[in-house]
Amino acid sequence: MPTSRLKPGSRRLVGLLFIVAGGLLVIAQVLRFGVVASEWNGAGWAGVNTTYLIMSVLMLVVAVLLIRFGWRMRRDGHISDEPG
């Protein structure tokens, strides 16, 4: 059975930091999507940098995972879904 090395107060703080970091990253990626949308509106697909768009989507996935890990840390102290 995995045990956490952090005290409950520290786990809650680390979880909160994960949630805040994930939330800020979501905001940043939404702003980046706005930039891509304005580029697409101005020049069509030729004006959109596909690498930039793919990295934005990947970073959005990372942000959601950070929020999920933070939520789990605050709730029960485990990041994984393993029983116990």
N, C-alpha and C. Protein backbone atom coordinates (compact mmCIF):
# COMPACT_ATOMS: atom_id res chain seq x y z
N MET A 1 0.85 -1.17 0.00
CA MET A 1 0.00 0.00 0.00
C MET A 1 0.90 1.24 0.00
N PRO A 2 0.74 2.12 -1.00
CA PRO A 2 1.59 3.31 -1.04
C PRO A 2 1.19 4.30 0.06
N THR A 3 2.19 4.83 0.70
CA THR A 3 1.93 5.84 1.72
C THR A 3 2.56 7.15 1.28
N SER A 4 1.94 8.23 1.68
CA SER A 4 2.45 9.54 1.33
C SER A 4 3.49 9.97 2.36
N ARG A 5 4.55 10.57 1.89
CA ARG A 5 5.59 11.04 2.80
C ARG A 5 5.30 12.45 3.31
N LEU A 6 4.30 13.08 2.75
CA LEU A 6 3.95 14.43 3.17
C LEU A 6 2.89 14.40 4.26
N LYS A 7 2.94 15.39 5.12
CA LYS A 7 1.91 15.53 6.14
C LYS A 7 0.63 16.02 5.46
N PRO A 8 -0.52 15.82 6.09
CA PRO A 8 -1.79 16.22 5.45
C PRO A 8 -1.85 17.70 5.07
N GLY A 9 -1.32 18.56 5.90
CA GLY A 9 -1.32 19.99 5.56
C GLY A 9 -0.46 20.29 4.35
N SER A 10 0.67 19.61 4.26
CA SER A 10 1.56 19.79 3.11
C SER A 10 0.93 19.24 1.84
N ARG A 11 0.24 18.11 1.96
CA ARG A 11 -0.44 17.54 0.79
C ARG A 11 -1.49 18.49 0.26
N ARG A 12 -2.24 19.11 1.17
CA ARG A 12 -3.26 20.06 0.73
C ARG A 12 -2.62 21.27 0.05
N LEU A 13 -1.49 21.73 0.58
CA LEU A 13 -0.81 22.87 -0.02
C LEU A 13 -0.26 22.51 -1.40
N VAL A 14 0.36 21.35 -1.52
CA VAL A 14 0.88 20.91 -2.82
C VAL A 14 -0.27 20.74 -3.82
N GLY A 15 -1.37 20.18 -3.36
CA GLY A 15 -2.54 20.03 -4.22
C GLY A 15 -3.06 21.38 -4.69
N LEU A 16 -3.10 22.34 -3.78
CA LEU A 16 -3.56 23.68 -4.15
C LEU A 16 -2.62 24.31 -5.17
N LEU A 17 -1.32 24.12 -5.00
CA LEU A 17 -0.36 24.66 -5.96
C LEU A 17 -0.52 24.01 -7.33
N PHE A 18 -0.79 22.71 -7.36
CA PHE A 18 -1.06 22.04 -8.64
C PHE A 18 -2.30 22.62 -9.30
N ILE A 19 -3.35 22.84 -8.52
CA ILE A 19 -4.60 23.37 -9.07
C ILE A 19 -4.38 24.78 -9.61
N VAL A 20 -3.67 25.61 -8.86
CA VAL A 20 -3.41 26.99 -9.31
C VAL A 20 -2.55 26.98 -10.58
N ALA A 21 -1.50 26.15 -10.59
CA ALA A 21 -0.64 26.08 -11.78
C ALA A 21 -1.43 25.60 -12.99
N GLY A 22 -2.26 24.59 -12.81
CA GLY A 22 -3.08 24.10 -13.91
C GLY A 22 -4.07 25.14 -14.39
N GLY A 23 -4.67 25.87 -13.46
CA GLY A 23 -5.62 26.92 -13.84
C GLY A 23 -4.95 28.03 -14.62
N LEU A 24 -3.77 28.44 -14.19
CA LEU A 24 -3.04 29.48 -14.92
C LEU A 24 -2.64 28.99 -16.31
N LEU A 25 -2.27 27.72 -16.40
CA LEU A 25 -1.90 27.17 -17.70
C LEU A 25 -3.12 27.08 -18.63
N VAL A 26 -4.28 26.76 -18.08
CA VAL A 26 -5.51 26.75 -18.90
C VAL A 26 -5.78 28.15 -19.43
N ILE A 27 -5.66 29.16 -18.58
CA ILE A 27 -5.89 30.54 -19.02
C ILE A 27 -4.91 30.92 -20.13
N ALA A 28 -3.64 30.56 -19.96
CA ALA A 28 -2.64 30.88 -20.98
C ALA A 28 -2.95 30.20 -22.31
N GLN A 29 -3.40 28.95 -22.25
CA GLN A 29 -3.68 28.23 -23.49
C GLN A 29 -4.93 28.76 -24.17
N VAL A 30 -5.90 29.20 -23.40
CA VAL A 30 -7.09 29.81 -24.00
C VAL A 30 -6.70 31.09 -24.73
N LEU A 31 -5.79 31.86 -24.13
CA LEU A 31 -5.30 33.07 -24.81
C LEU A 31 -4.53 32.72 -26.08
N ARG A 32 -3.74 31.64 -26.02
CA ARG A 32 -3.00 31.21 -27.22
C ARG A 32 -3.96 30.76 -28.32
N PHE A 33 -5.05 30.09 -27.93
CA PHE A 33 -6.05 29.69 -28.93
C PHE A 33 -6.68 30.92 -29.57
N GLY A 34 -6.84 31.98 -28.79
CA GLY A 34 -7.36 33.23 -29.36
C GLY A 34 -6.41 33.80 -30.40
N VAL A 35 -5.11 33.71 -30.15
CA VAL A 35 -4.12 34.18 -31.12
C VAL A 35 -4.19 33.34 -32.39
N VAL A 36 -4.28 32.03 -32.24
CA VAL A 36 -4.36 31.14 -33.41
C VAL A 36 -5.65 31.42 -34.18
N ALA A 37 -6.74 31.67 -33.47
CA ALA A 37 -8.01 31.95 -34.15
C ALA A 37 -7.93 33.25 -34.94
N SER A 38 -7.27 34.26 -34.39
CA SER A 38 -7.14 35.51 -35.13
C SER A 38 -6.22 35.35 -36.34
N GLU A 39 -5.16 34.53 -36.21
CA GLU A 39 -4.30 34.25 -37.37
C GLU A 39 -5.09 33.52 -38.45
N TRP A 40 -5.89 32.56 -38.04
CA TRP A 40 -6.69 31.79 -38.99
C TRP A 40 -7.73 32.69 -39.66
N ASN A 41 -8.31 33.60 -38.89
CA ASN A 41 -9.31 34.51 -39.44
C ASN A 41 -8.68 35.46 -40.45
N GLY A 42 -7.43 35.85 -40.22
CA GLY A 42 -6.78 36.80 -41.11
C GLY A 42 -6.22 36.18 -42.38
N ALA A 43 -5.56 35.03 -42.25
CA ALA A 43 -4.85 34.47 -43.41
C ALA A 43 -5.28 33.05 -43.76
N GLY A 44 -6.25 32.51 -43.07
CA GLY A 44 -6.67 31.13 -43.33
C GLY A 44 -5.66 30.15 -42.75
N TRP A 45 -5.73 28.90 -43.22
CA TRP A 45 -4.83 27.87 -42.68
C TRP A 45 -3.37 28.13 -43.02
N ALA A 46 -3.12 28.91 -44.06
CA ALA A 46 -1.74 29.22 -44.42
C ALA A 46 -1.07 30.09 -43.35
N GLY A 47 -1.86 30.86 -42.62
CA GLY A 47 -1.31 31.73 -41.60
C GLY A 47 -1.15 31.09 -40.24
N VAL A 48 -1.65 29.86 -40.09
CA VAL A 48 -1.60 29.18 -38.79
C VAL A 48 -0.37 28.29 -38.72
N ASN A 49 0.41 28.46 -37.67
CA ASN A 49 1.57 27.61 -37.43
C ASN A 49 1.06 26.33 -36.75
N THR A 50 1.13 25.19 -37.44
CA THR A 50 0.56 23.96 -36.90
C THR A 50 1.31 23.47 -35.67
N THR A 51 2.62 23.68 -35.62
CA THR A 51 3.38 23.27 -34.44
C THR A 51 2.90 24.04 -33.22
N TYR A 52 2.66 25.31 -33.39
CA TYR A 52 2.15 26.17 -32.32
C TYR A 52 0.79 25.67 -31.84
N LEU A 53 -0.05 25.29 -32.78
CA LEU A 53 -1.39 24.80 -32.44
C LEU A 53 -1.32 23.46 -31.71
N ILE A 54 -0.48 22.55 -32.19
CA ILE A 54 -0.34 21.24 -31.55
C ILE A 54 0.23 21.38 -30.14
N MET A 55 1.22 22.25 -29.97
CA MET A 55 1.78 22.47 -28.64
C MET A 55 0.75 23.08 -27.70
N SER A 56 -0.11 23.93 -28.22
CA SER A 56 -1.17 24.51 -27.39
C SER A 56 -2.13 23.44 -26.90
N VAL A 57 -2.49 22.52 -27.78
CA VAL A 57 -3.40 21.43 -27.39
C VAL A 57 -2.73 20.53 -26.36
N LEU A 58 -1.46 20.19 -26.57
CA LEU A 58 -0.75 19.35 -25.61
C LEU A 58 -0.62 20.03 -24.25
N MET A 59 -0.35 21.31 -24.25
CA MET A 59 -0.24 22.04 -22.98
C MET A 59 -1.59 22.14 -22.29
N LEU A 60 -2.67 22.19 -23.05
CA LEU A 60 -4.00 22.19 -22.44
C LEU A 60 -4.26 20.85 -21.75
N VAL A 61 -3.83 19.76 -22.37
CA VAL A 61 -3.96 18.44 -21.74
C VAL A 61 -3.13 18.38 -20.46
N VAL A 62 -1.92 18.92 -20.50
CA VAL A 62 -1.07 18.95 -19.30
C VAL A 62 -1.73 19.76 -18.20
N ALA A 63 -2.35 20.87 -18.56
CA ALA A 63 -3.03 21.70 -17.57
C ALA A 63 -4.18 20.95 -16.90
N VAL A 64 -4.94 20.21 -17.68
CA VAL A 64 -6.05 19.44 -17.12
C VAL A 64 -5.51 18.35 -16.18
N LEU A 65 -4.41 17.72 -16.57
CA LEU A 65 -3.81 16.70 -15.70
C LEU A 65 -3.28 17.32 -14.40
N LEU A 66 -2.69 18.50 -14.48
CA LEU A 66 -2.23 19.18 -13.26
C LEU A 66 -3.39 19.46 -12.32
N ILE A 67 -4.50 19.93 -12.87
CA ILE A 67 -5.66 20.20 -12.03
C ILE A 67 -6.19 18.91 -11.41
N ARG A 68 -6.22 17.85 -12.20
CA ARG A 68 -6.70 16.56 -11.69
C ARG A 68 -5.79 16.04 -10.58
N PHE A 69 -4.47 16.11 -10.79
CA PHE A 69 -3.54 15.65 -9.76
C PHE A 69 -3.67 16.48 -8.49
N GLY A 70 -3.82 17.79 -8.65
CA GLY A 70 -3.99 18.65 -7.49
C GLY A 70 -5.27 18.33 -6.73
N TRP A 71 -6.34 18.07 -7.47
CA TRP A 71 -7.61 17.72 -6.83
C TRP A 71 -7.47 16.42 -6.04
N ARG A 72 -6.79 15.44 -6.65
CA ARG A 72 -6.58 14.17 -5.95
C ARG A 72 -5.69 14.33 -4.72
N MET A 73 -4.66 15.16 -4.83
CA MET A 73 -3.77 15.38 -3.68
C MET A 73 -4.53 16.03 -2.53
N ARG A 74 -5.40 16.97 -2.84
CA ARG A 74 -6.16 17.63 -1.78
C ARG A 74 -7.20 16.70 -1.18
N ARG A 75 -7.73 15.81 -2.00
CA ARG A 75 -8.82 14.95 -1.53
C ARG A 75 -8.31 13.78 -0.70
N ASP A 76 -7.40 12.98 -1.28
CA ASP A 76 -6.98 11.79 -0.55
C ASP A 76 -5.48 11.56 -0.52
N GLY A 77 -4.71 12.47 -1.06
CA GLY A 77 -3.26 12.36 -0.96
C GLY A 77 -2.61 11.46 -1.98
N HIS A 78 -3.38 10.89 -2.90
CA HIS A 78 -2.82 10.00 -3.92
C HIS A 78 -3.00 10.63 -5.28
N ILE A 79 -1.99 10.49 -6.11
CA ILE A 79 -2.10 10.96 -7.49
C ILE A 79 -2.62 9.85 -8.38
N SER A 80 -2.21 8.62 -8.11
CA SER A 80 -2.61 7.51 -8.97
C SER A 80 -4.00 7.02 -8.59
N ASP A 81 -4.57 6.20 -9.45
CA ASP A 81 -5.89 5.63 -9.21
C ASP A 81 -5.82 4.23 -8.62
N GLU A 82 -4.66 3.86 -8.10
CA GLU A 82 -4.51 2.53 -7.53
C GLU A 82 -5.37 2.41 -6.27
N PRO A 83 -5.97 1.25 -6.06
CA PRO A 83 -6.76 1.08 -4.83
C PRO A 83 -5.87 1.09 -3.60
N GLY A 84 -6.42 1.57 -2.52
CA GLY A 84 -5.68 1.55 -1.27
C GLY A 84 -5.13 2.81 -0.94
